[in-house]
Amino acid sequence: MTKGGHVSILDFDSIASGEIALMLPSLMDCYGDSFATCVVLDPDPDYLFDLYGSWPGFRMLRDGIENEFLKGMQFQPEGHVSGAICMMDVMAVTGSSNLWGWWAQRDWEFGVLSTPDADGPWMHLDTDMQFFERSPEALDSFRSPEGWGISISDDMYTRFFSEIISHERG
């Protein structure tokens, strides 16, 4: 285990399609979570509340989480598909243990899974989901949108993960 945990890079399509839902039970079981929370970070949640009359996020209990995740991602507030979380640009999920979480950004076409451990049952599921640290050259195809992207320090990484946790709390 590295200081601060391990980061895995995922293809955004694995997240938006719901394939990542297959990982949630093993992450929750491994870290003792009773629930997980999904929140939208962009567009601005206040804007989305004004537009659709509800906050863009949901909480899922461990039992049946795969189906709950898919239902939550596809829910259309006031019947508007444009308000479904699967259509949003930036979203995050964290477990109630606050030990793991993922963040995904549509316009960058990838997601980041942060866990305390470099390996666990979630890495060995029978799925087509691709973890790019196993093939570093695969990351060459990822390019942040023009004008975006910076290197971050260990302190910024810690702050980034803390922000995900703070959105879960409130």
N, C-alpha and C. Protein backbone atom coordinates (compact mmCIF):
# COMPACT_ATOMS: atom_id res chain seq x y z
N MET A 1 0.85 -1.18 0.00
CA MET A 1 0.00 0.00 0.00
C MET A 1 0.89 1.24 0.00
N THR A 2 0.55 2.21 -0.82
CA THR A 2 1.29 3.45 -0.86
C THR A 2 0.67 4.44 0.10
N LYS A 3 1.45 5.45 0.46
CA LYS A 3 0.91 6.49 1.34
C LYS A 3 -0.30 7.14 0.68
N GLY A 4 -1.39 7.20 1.40
CA GLY A 4 -2.60 7.82 0.86
C GLY A 4 -3.45 6.87 0.04
N GLY A 5 -2.96 5.67 -0.24
CA GLY A 5 -3.75 4.71 -0.97
C GLY A 5 -3.32 4.52 -2.39
N HIS A 6 -4.21 3.97 -3.18
CA HIS A 6 -3.93 3.60 -4.56
C HIS A 6 -4.97 4.24 -5.47
N VAL A 7 -4.54 4.68 -6.63
CA VAL A 7 -5.44 5.28 -7.60
C VAL A 7 -5.45 4.44 -8.87
N SER A 8 -6.63 4.10 -9.34
CA SER A 8 -6.81 3.37 -10.60
C SER A 8 -7.53 4.29 -11.58
N ILE A 9 -7.13 4.23 -12.83
CA ILE A 9 -7.76 5.03 -13.88
C ILE A 9 -8.73 4.14 -14.65
N LEU A 10 -9.96 4.63 -14.83
CA LEU A 10 -11.01 3.89 -15.51
C LEU A 10 -11.51 4.67 -16.72
N ASP A 11 -11.99 3.97 -17.71
CA ASP A 11 -12.63 4.59 -18.86
C ASP A 11 -14.00 5.12 -18.45
N PHE A 12 -14.35 6.34 -18.85
CA PHE A 12 -15.63 6.94 -18.46
C PHE A 12 -16.82 6.10 -18.90
N ASP A 13 -16.72 5.46 -20.05
CA ASP A 13 -17.85 4.65 -20.53
C ASP A 13 -18.21 3.53 -19.57
N SER A 14 -17.22 3.00 -18.84
CA SER A 14 -17.50 1.96 -17.84
C SER A 14 -18.36 2.50 -16.71
N ILE A 15 -18.23 3.79 -16.45
CA ILE A 15 -18.98 4.43 -15.38
C ILE A 15 -20.37 4.83 -15.87
N ALA A 16 -20.43 5.53 -16.98
CA ALA A 16 -21.71 6.02 -17.50
C ALA A 16 -22.63 4.87 -17.91
N SER A 17 -22.06 3.76 -18.38
CA SER A 17 -22.88 2.63 -18.79
C SER A 17 -23.39 1.83 -17.61
N GLY A 18 -22.83 2.08 -16.43
CA GLY A 18 -23.24 1.35 -15.24
C GLY A 18 -22.42 0.11 -14.96
N GLU A 19 -21.44 -0.18 -15.82
CA GLU A 19 -20.61 -1.36 -15.61
C GLU A 19 -19.88 -1.29 -14.27
N ILE A 20 -19.57 -0.09 -13.81
CA ILE A 20 -18.88 0.06 -12.52
C ILE A 20 -19.75 -0.42 -11.36
N ALA A 21 -21.06 -0.52 -11.58
CA ALA A 21 -21.96 -1.02 -10.53
C ALA A 21 -21.55 -2.42 -10.07
N LEU A 22 -20.92 -3.18 -10.94
CA LEU A 22 -20.47 -4.52 -10.58
C LEU A 22 -19.38 -4.49 -9.51
N MET A 23 -18.65 -3.36 -9.42
CA MET A 23 -17.59 -3.22 -8.43
C MET A 23 -18.11 -2.84 -7.06
N LEU A 24 -19.24 -2.18 -7.02
CA LEU A 24 -19.71 -1.60 -5.76
C LEU A 24 -19.88 -2.62 -4.63
N PRO A 25 -20.49 -3.79 -4.86
CA PRO A 25 -20.63 -4.74 -3.75
C PRO A 25 -19.28 -5.16 -3.15
N SER A 26 -18.29 -5.44 -4.01
CA SER A 26 -17.01 -5.89 -3.47
C SER A 26 -16.27 -4.76 -2.75
N LEU A 27 -16.36 -3.53 -3.26
CA LEU A 27 -15.77 -2.40 -2.54
C LEU A 27 -16.43 -2.22 -1.18
N MET A 28 -17.76 -2.27 -1.17
CA MET A 28 -18.50 -2.07 0.09
C MET A 28 -18.21 -3.19 1.08
N ASP A 29 -18.16 -4.43 0.60
CA ASP A 29 -17.88 -5.56 1.49
C ASP A 29 -16.46 -5.47 2.05
N CYS A 30 -15.52 -5.13 1.20
CA CYS A 30 -14.12 -5.07 1.62
C CYS A 30 -13.89 -4.01 2.69
N TYR A 31 -14.56 -2.87 2.56
CA TYR A 31 -14.33 -1.75 3.48
C TYR A 31 -15.44 -1.54 4.49
N GLY A 32 -16.40 -2.47 4.55
CA GLY A 32 -17.42 -2.45 5.59
C GLY A 32 -18.46 -1.34 5.47
N ASP A 33 -18.79 -0.96 4.25
CA ASP A 33 -19.77 0.11 4.03
C ASP A 33 -21.20 -0.40 4.16
N SER A 34 -22.06 0.39 4.80
CA SER A 34 -23.48 0.06 4.85
C SER A 34 -24.24 0.77 3.72
N PHE A 35 -23.65 1.84 3.19
CA PHE A 35 -24.25 2.55 2.06
C PHE A 35 -23.16 3.27 1.28
N ALA A 36 -23.52 3.72 0.10
CA ALA A 36 -22.64 4.55 -0.73
C ALA A 36 -23.48 5.72 -1.24
N THR A 37 -22.82 6.80 -1.56
CA THR A 37 -23.50 8.01 -2.01
C THR A 37 -22.90 8.47 -3.33
N CYS A 38 -23.76 8.84 -4.26
CA CYS A 38 -23.36 9.41 -5.56
C CYS A 38 -23.79 10.87 -5.59
N VAL A 39 -22.89 11.74 -6.00
CA VAL A 39 -23.21 13.16 -6.14
C VAL A 39 -22.70 13.68 -7.48
N VAL A 40 -23.39 14.67 -8.00
CA VAL A 40 -22.94 15.38 -9.20
C VAL A 40 -22.17 16.62 -8.73
N LEU A 41 -21.01 16.84 -9.35
CA LEU A 41 -20.19 17.99 -9.00
C LEU A 41 -20.23 19.07 -10.08
N ASP A 42 -20.56 18.67 -11.32
CA ASP A 42 -20.67 19.63 -12.41
C ASP A 42 -21.64 19.07 -13.43
N PRO A 43 -22.63 19.83 -13.85
CA PRO A 43 -22.89 21.23 -13.56
C PRO A 43 -23.16 21.47 -12.07
N ASP A 44 -23.13 22.73 -11.72
CA ASP A 44 -23.32 23.14 -10.34
C ASP A 44 -24.62 22.57 -9.77
N PRO A 45 -24.55 21.89 -8.61
CA PRO A 45 -25.76 21.31 -8.02
C PRO A 45 -26.87 22.33 -7.74
N ASP A 46 -26.52 23.56 -7.36
CA ASP A 46 -27.54 24.59 -7.14
C ASP A 46 -28.29 24.90 -8.43
N TYR A 47 -27.56 24.97 -9.53
CA TYR A 47 -28.17 25.21 -10.83
C TYR A 47 -29.15 24.07 -11.16
N LEU A 48 -28.71 22.84 -10.94
CA LEU A 48 -29.56 21.69 -11.24
C LEU A 48 -30.79 21.65 -10.34
N PHE A 49 -30.64 22.05 -9.07
CA PHE A 49 -31.79 22.10 -8.17
C PHE A 49 -32.81 23.12 -8.68
N ASP A 50 -32.33 24.30 -9.08
CA ASP A 50 -33.23 25.32 -9.61
C ASP A 50 -33.94 24.84 -10.88
N LEU A 51 -33.23 24.08 -11.70
CA LEU A 51 -33.77 23.63 -12.97
C LEU A 51 -34.76 22.47 -12.81
N TYR A 52 -34.44 21.51 -11.91
CA TYR A 52 -35.23 20.29 -11.83
C TYR A 52 -35.96 20.09 -10.50
N GLY A 53 -35.70 20.94 -9.53
CA GLY A 53 -36.40 20.84 -8.25
C GLY A 53 -35.90 19.72 -7.35
N SER A 54 -34.73 19.17 -7.65
CA SER A 54 -34.14 18.13 -6.78
C SER A 54 -32.62 18.21 -6.87
N TRP A 55 -31.98 17.74 -5.80
CA TRP A 55 -30.52 17.73 -5.77
C TRP A 55 -30.02 16.56 -6.60
N PRO A 56 -28.92 16.75 -7.33
CA PRO A 56 -28.40 15.69 -8.20
C PRO A 56 -27.51 14.71 -7.44
N GLY A 57 -28.12 13.75 -6.81
CA GLY A 57 -27.38 12.74 -6.07
C GLY A 57 -28.32 11.73 -5.47
N PHE A 58 -27.76 10.64 -4.96
CA PHE A 58 -28.58 9.62 -4.33
C PHE A 58 -27.71 8.76 -3.43
N ARG A 59 -28.36 8.11 -2.48
CA ARG A 59 -27.70 7.20 -1.55
C ARG A 59 -28.22 5.79 -1.82
N MET A 60 -27.31 4.82 -1.74
CA MET A 60 -27.65 3.42 -2.04
C MET A 60 -27.26 2.55 -0.85
N LEU A 61 -28.17 1.68 -0.43
CA LEU A 61 -27.85 0.68 0.59
C LEU A 61 -27.11 -0.48 -0.05
N ARG A 62 -26.38 -1.24 0.74
CA ARG A 62 -25.57 -2.35 0.22
C ARG A 62 -26.42 -3.39 -0.51
N ASP A 63 -27.55 -3.78 0.07
CA ASP A 63 -28.39 -4.80 -0.57
C ASP A 63 -28.97 -4.27 -1.87
N GLY A 64 -28.72 -4.97 -2.96
CA GLY A 64 -29.27 -4.57 -4.26
C GLY A 64 -28.60 -3.35 -4.85
N ILE A 65 -27.38 -3.06 -4.45
CA ILE A 65 -26.75 -1.82 -4.89
C ILE A 65 -26.56 -1.73 -6.40
N GLU A 66 -26.34 -2.84 -7.07
CA GLU A 66 -26.15 -2.78 -8.52
C GLU A 66 -27.37 -2.17 -9.19
N ASN A 67 -28.57 -2.64 -8.81
CA ASN A 67 -29.80 -2.10 -9.40
C ASN A 67 -30.07 -0.68 -8.93
N GLU A 68 -29.81 -0.40 -7.66
CA GLU A 68 -30.03 0.95 -7.13
C GLU A 68 -29.13 1.97 -7.84
N PHE A 69 -27.90 1.57 -8.09
CA PHE A 69 -26.97 2.46 -8.80
C PHE A 69 -27.50 2.79 -10.19
N LEU A 70 -27.91 1.77 -10.92
CA LEU A 70 -28.43 1.99 -12.28
C LEU A 70 -29.69 2.83 -12.26
N LYS A 71 -30.60 2.57 -11.31
CA LYS A 71 -31.83 3.37 -11.21
C LYS A 71 -31.49 4.82 -10.89
N GLY A 72 -30.56 5.03 -9.96
CA GLY A 72 -30.18 6.39 -9.59
C GLY A 72 -29.52 7.14 -10.72
N MET A 73 -28.67 6.46 -11.48
CA MET A 73 -27.98 7.11 -12.60
C MET A 73 -28.95 7.48 -13.72
N GLN A 74 -30.01 6.68 -13.89
CA GLN A 74 -30.94 6.89 -15.00
C GLN A 74 -32.18 7.69 -14.62
N PHE A 75 -32.36 8.01 -13.33
CA PHE A 75 -33.54 8.75 -12.90
C PHE A 75 -33.61 10.09 -13.63
N GLN A 76 -34.80 10.41 -14.16
CA GLN A 76 -35.01 11.64 -14.91
C GLN A 76 -35.90 12.57 -14.11
N PRO A 77 -35.32 13.57 -13.43
CA PRO A 77 -36.14 14.47 -12.62
C PRO A 77 -37.16 15.21 -13.48
N GLU A 78 -38.39 15.20 -13.01
CA GLU A 78 -39.50 15.84 -13.72
C GLU A 78 -39.61 15.36 -15.17
N GLY A 79 -39.15 14.11 -15.43
CA GLY A 79 -39.27 13.52 -16.76
C GLY A 79 -38.27 14.04 -17.78
N HIS A 80 -37.26 14.76 -17.36
CA HIS A 80 -36.27 15.34 -18.28
C HIS A 80 -35.01 14.48 -18.31
N VAL A 81 -34.75 13.85 -19.47
CA VAL A 81 -33.56 13.02 -19.59
C VAL A 81 -32.29 13.84 -19.36
N SER A 82 -32.33 15.12 -19.67
CA SER A 82 -31.15 15.97 -19.49
C SER A 82 -30.76 16.12 -18.02
N GLY A 83 -31.66 15.77 -17.11
CA GLY A 83 -31.36 15.85 -15.69
C GLY A 83 -30.84 14.56 -15.09
N ALA A 84 -30.76 13.49 -15.88
CA ALA A 84 -30.26 12.21 -15.38
C ALA A 84 -28.78 12.32 -15.04
N ILE A 85 -28.38 11.73 -13.94
CA ILE A 85 -26.98 11.82 -13.51
C ILE A 85 -26.04 11.23 -14.55
N CYS A 86 -26.47 10.19 -15.25
CA CYS A 86 -25.61 9.60 -16.29
C CYS A 86 -25.32 10.58 -17.42
N MET A 87 -26.06 11.69 -17.50
CA MET A 87 -25.84 12.69 -18.53
C MET A 87 -24.94 13.84 -18.04
N MET A 88 -24.60 13.86 -16.77
CA MET A 88 -23.84 14.96 -16.20
C MET A 88 -22.35 14.84 -16.53
N ASP A 89 -21.62 15.94 -16.35
CA ASP A 89 -20.20 15.95 -16.71
C ASP A 89 -19.31 15.35 -15.62
N VAL A 90 -19.52 15.75 -14.36
CA VAL A 90 -18.64 15.28 -13.28
C VAL A 90 -19.48 14.70 -12.15
N MET A 91 -19.13 13.48 -11.74
CA MET A 91 -19.85 12.82 -10.66
C MET A 91 -18.84 12.09 -9.77
N ALA A 92 -19.27 11.78 -8.55
CA ALA A 92 -18.41 11.07 -7.62
C ALA A 92 -19.25 10.12 -6.76
N VAL A 93 -18.63 9.05 -6.32
CA VAL A 93 -19.25 8.08 -5.41
C VAL A 93 -18.26 7.77 -4.31
N THR A 94 -18.74 7.67 -3.08
CA THR A 94 -17.91 7.23 -1.96
C THR A 94 -18.74 6.35 -1.04
N GLY A 95 -18.05 5.44 -0.37
CA GLY A 95 -18.72 4.55 0.57
C GLY A 95 -18.83 5.20 1.94
N SER A 96 -19.70 4.66 2.78
CA SER A 96 -19.91 5.23 4.12
C SER A 96 -18.67 5.13 5.00
N SER A 97 -17.74 4.24 4.68
CA SER A 97 -16.49 4.13 5.44
C SER A 97 -15.55 5.29 5.15
N ASN A 98 -15.78 6.01 4.06
CA ASN A 98 -14.89 7.08 3.59
C ASN A 98 -13.49 6.57 3.28
N LEU A 99 -13.37 5.29 2.96
CA LEU A 99 -12.07 4.71 2.63
C LEU A 99 -11.84 4.60 1.13
N TRP A 100 -12.86 4.66 0.35
CA TRP A 100 -12.72 4.56 -1.10
C TRP A 100 -13.69 5.52 -1.75
N GLY A 101 -13.44 5.82 -3.00
CA GLY A 101 -14.35 6.66 -3.76
C GLY A 101 -13.88 6.74 -5.20
N TRP A 102 -14.78 7.14 -6.06
CA TRP A 102 -14.38 7.41 -7.43
C TRP A 102 -14.97 8.72 -7.91
N TRP A 103 -14.27 9.31 -8.83
CA TRP A 103 -14.64 10.57 -9.46
C TRP A 103 -14.54 10.34 -10.95
N ALA A 104 -15.47 10.86 -11.72
CA ALA A 104 -15.44 10.68 -13.17
C ALA A 104 -15.83 11.97 -13.86
N GLN A 105 -15.19 12.23 -14.98
CA GLN A 105 -15.48 13.42 -15.76
C GLN A 105 -15.68 13.04 -17.22
N ARG A 106 -16.88 13.33 -17.71
CA ARG A 106 -17.27 12.96 -19.07
C ARG A 106 -16.37 13.61 -20.12
N ASP A 107 -16.13 14.92 -20.03
CA ASP A 107 -15.38 15.56 -21.11
C ASP A 107 -13.90 15.20 -21.10
N TRP A 108 -13.42 14.58 -20.04
CA TRP A 108 -12.05 14.06 -20.04
C TRP A 108 -12.04 12.57 -20.38
N GLU A 109 -13.22 11.95 -20.37
CA GLU A 109 -13.42 10.55 -20.76
C GLU A 109 -12.73 9.54 -19.85
N PHE A 110 -12.55 9.88 -18.58
CA PHE A 110 -12.02 8.89 -17.66
C PHE A 110 -12.50 9.16 -16.25
N GLY A 111 -12.27 8.17 -15.40
CA GLY A 111 -12.59 8.27 -13.99
C GLY A 111 -11.40 7.82 -13.16
N VAL A 112 -11.43 8.16 -11.89
CA VAL A 112 -10.36 7.82 -10.96
C VAL A 112 -10.98 7.10 -9.77
N LEU A 113 -10.51 5.90 -9.49
CA LEU A 113 -10.94 5.14 -8.32
C LEU A 113 -9.82 5.19 -7.30
N SER A 114 -10.13 5.65 -6.09
CA SER A 114 -9.14 5.72 -5.01
C SER A 114 -9.53 4.71 -3.94
N THR A 115 -8.57 3.85 -3.59
CA THR A 115 -8.78 2.84 -2.55
C THR A 115 -7.54 2.79 -1.66
N PRO A 116 -7.67 2.32 -0.43
CA PRO A 116 -6.49 2.18 0.43
C PRO A 116 -5.52 1.12 -0.09
N ASP A 117 -6.03 0.13 -0.82
CA ASP A 117 -5.23 -1.01 -1.26
C ASP A 117 -5.08 -1.03 -2.77
N ALA A 118 -3.91 -1.48 -3.24
CA ALA A 118 -3.64 -1.54 -4.67
C ALA A 118 -4.40 -2.67 -5.36
N ASP A 119 -4.82 -3.66 -4.60
CA ASP A 119 -5.51 -4.79 -5.21
C ASP A 119 -6.62 -5.26 -4.27
N GLY A 120 -7.67 -5.74 -4.84
CA GLY A 120 -8.79 -6.27 -4.07
C GLY A 120 -9.72 -7.00 -5.01
N PRO A 121 -10.79 -7.59 -4.48
CA PRO A 121 -11.70 -8.38 -5.32
C PRO A 121 -12.32 -7.56 -6.45
N TRP A 122 -12.47 -6.26 -6.27
CA TRP A 122 -13.06 -5.41 -7.32
C TRP A 122 -12.16 -5.37 -8.57
N MET A 123 -10.88 -5.71 -8.44
CA MET A 123 -9.96 -5.69 -9.58
C MET A 123 -10.02 -6.98 -10.40
N HIS A 124 -10.76 -7.99 -9.91
CA HIS A 124 -10.75 -9.30 -10.54
C HIS A 124 -12.14 -9.79 -10.93
N LEU A 125 -13.02 -8.87 -11.22
CA LEU A 125 -14.38 -9.24 -11.61
C LEU A 125 -14.42 -9.67 -13.07
N ASP A 126 -15.39 -10.48 -13.42
CA ASP A 126 -15.58 -10.90 -14.80
C ASP A 126 -16.32 -9.79 -15.54
N THR A 127 -15.55 -8.83 -16.01
CA THR A 127 -16.12 -7.65 -16.66
C THR A 127 -15.15 -7.15 -17.72
N ASP A 128 -15.64 -6.36 -18.63
CA ASP A 128 -14.79 -5.76 -19.66
C ASP A 128 -14.17 -4.45 -19.19
N MET A 129 -14.46 -4.04 -17.97
CA MET A 129 -13.94 -2.78 -17.46
C MET A 129 -12.42 -2.82 -17.48
N GLN A 130 -11.82 -1.73 -17.93
CA GLN A 130 -10.38 -1.67 -18.08
C GLN A 130 -9.76 -0.75 -17.04
N PHE A 131 -8.76 -1.27 -16.34
CA PHE A 131 -7.96 -0.48 -15.40
C PHE A 131 -6.67 -0.14 -16.11
N PHE A 132 -6.45 1.13 -16.36
CA PHE A 132 -5.36 1.51 -17.24
C PHE A 132 -3.97 1.46 -16.62
N GLU A 133 -3.87 1.35 -15.28
CA GLU A 133 -2.51 1.25 -14.74
C GLU A 133 -1.88 -0.09 -15.10
N ARG A 134 -2.68 -1.06 -15.53
CA ARG A 134 -2.14 -2.34 -15.99
C ARG A 134 -1.54 -2.20 -17.39
N SER A 135 -1.88 -1.16 -18.09
CA SER A 135 -1.38 -0.91 -19.43
C SER A 135 -1.13 0.59 -19.57
N PRO A 136 -0.01 1.08 -19.02
CA PRO A 136 0.24 2.53 -19.00
C PRO A 136 0.17 3.19 -20.37
N GLU A 137 0.55 2.48 -21.43
CA GLU A 137 0.50 3.11 -22.76
C GLU A 137 -0.94 3.43 -23.17
N ALA A 138 -1.92 2.74 -22.56
CA ALA A 138 -3.32 3.04 -22.88
C ALA A 138 -3.68 4.46 -22.47
N LEU A 139 -2.97 5.00 -21.49
CA LEU A 139 -3.25 6.37 -21.05
C LEU A 139 -2.83 7.39 -22.10
N ASP A 140 -1.99 7.00 -23.04
CA ASP A 140 -1.56 7.93 -24.08
C ASP A 140 -2.73 8.47 -24.89
N SER A 141 -3.82 7.70 -24.97
CA SER A 141 -4.98 8.15 -25.75
C SER A 141 -5.82 9.16 -24.99
N PHE A 142 -5.59 9.33 -23.69
CA PHE A 142 -6.36 10.29 -22.91
C PHE A 142 -5.71 11.67 -23.00
N ARG A 143 -6.50 12.62 -23.33
CA ARG A 143 -6.03 14.01 -23.38
C ARG A 143 -7.08 14.87 -22.71
N SER A 144 -6.63 15.69 -21.78
CA SER A 144 -7.58 16.60 -21.16
C SER A 144 -8.00 17.64 -22.20
N PRO A 145 -9.18 18.21 -22.04
CA PRO A 145 -9.61 19.25 -22.97
C PRO A 145 -8.58 20.37 -23.01
N GLU A 146 -8.45 21.00 -24.16
CA GLU A 146 -7.45 22.05 -24.33
C GLU A 146 -7.58 23.11 -23.22
N GLY A 147 -6.45 23.43 -22.62
CA GLY A 147 -6.43 24.43 -21.56
C GLY A 147 -6.63 23.85 -20.18
N TRP A 148 -6.84 22.53 -20.08
CA TRP A 148 -7.07 21.88 -18.79
C TRP A 148 -5.90 20.98 -18.45
N GLY A 149 -5.74 20.73 -17.18
CA GLY A 149 -4.79 19.73 -16.74
C GLY A 149 -3.57 20.32 -16.06
N ILE A 150 -3.29 19.86 -14.87
CA ILE A 150 -2.11 20.25 -14.12
C ILE A 150 -1.63 19.05 -13.31
N SER A 151 -0.37 19.04 -12.95
CA SER A 151 0.13 18.04 -12.02
C SER A 151 -0.26 18.48 -10.62
N ILE A 152 -0.52 17.50 -9.74
CA ILE A 152 -0.89 17.86 -8.38
C ILE A 152 0.04 17.22 -7.36
N SER A 153 0.20 17.90 -6.26
CA SER A 153 1.04 17.42 -5.17
C SER A 153 0.28 16.41 -4.32
N ASP A 154 1.00 15.75 -3.39
CA ASP A 154 0.34 14.83 -2.46
C ASP A 154 -0.71 15.56 -1.63
N ASP A 155 -0.42 16.80 -1.24
CA ASP A 155 -1.39 17.58 -0.47
C ASP A 155 -2.65 17.86 -1.27
N MET A 156 -2.49 18.18 -2.56
CA MET A 156 -3.66 18.42 -3.40
C MET A 156 -4.46 17.14 -3.61
N TYR A 157 -3.78 15.99 -3.73
CA TYR A 157 -4.48 14.72 -3.86
C TYR A 157 -5.34 14.48 -2.62
N THR A 158 -4.75 14.70 -1.44
CA THR A 158 -5.48 14.51 -0.18
C THR A 158 -6.68 15.45 -0.12
N ARG A 159 -6.49 16.69 -0.53
CA ARG A 159 -7.59 17.67 -0.53
C ARG A 159 -8.69 17.25 -1.50
N PHE A 160 -8.29 16.75 -2.69
CA PHE A 160 -9.25 16.29 -3.68
C PHE A 160 -10.16 15.21 -3.09
N PHE A 161 -9.56 14.20 -2.46
CA PHE A 161 -10.34 13.12 -1.89
C PHE A 161 -11.21 13.63 -0.74
N SER A 162 -10.70 14.56 0.04
CA SER A 162 -11.48 15.14 1.14
C SER A 162 -12.71 15.87 0.61
N GLU A 163 -12.58 16.51 -0.53
CA GLU A 163 -13.72 17.20 -1.13
C GLU A 163 -14.82 16.21 -1.52
N ILE A 164 -14.45 15.06 -2.06
CA ILE A 164 -15.44 14.04 -2.37
C ILE A 164 -16.18 13.62 -1.11
N ILE A 165 -15.41 13.39 -0.05
CA ILE A 165 -16.01 12.98 1.22
C ILE A 165 -16.93 14.07 1.76
N SER A 166 -16.53 15.34 1.67
CA SER A 166 -17.37 16.41 2.21
C SER A 166 -18.67 16.53 1.44
N HIS A 167 -18.68 16.26 0.14
CA HIS A 167 -19.93 16.27 -0.62
C HIS A 167 -20.85 15.16 -0.14
N GLU A 168 -20.28 14.01 0.22
CA GLU A 168 -21.08 12.89 0.74
C GLU A 168 -21.74 13.26 2.05
N ARG A 169 -21.03 14.03 2.87
CA ARG A 169 -21.57 14.37 4.20
C ARG A 169 -22.60 15.48 4.14
N GLY A 170 -22.63 16.21 3.08
CA GLY A 170 -23.60 17.23 3.19
C GLY A 170 -23.89 18.12 2.11
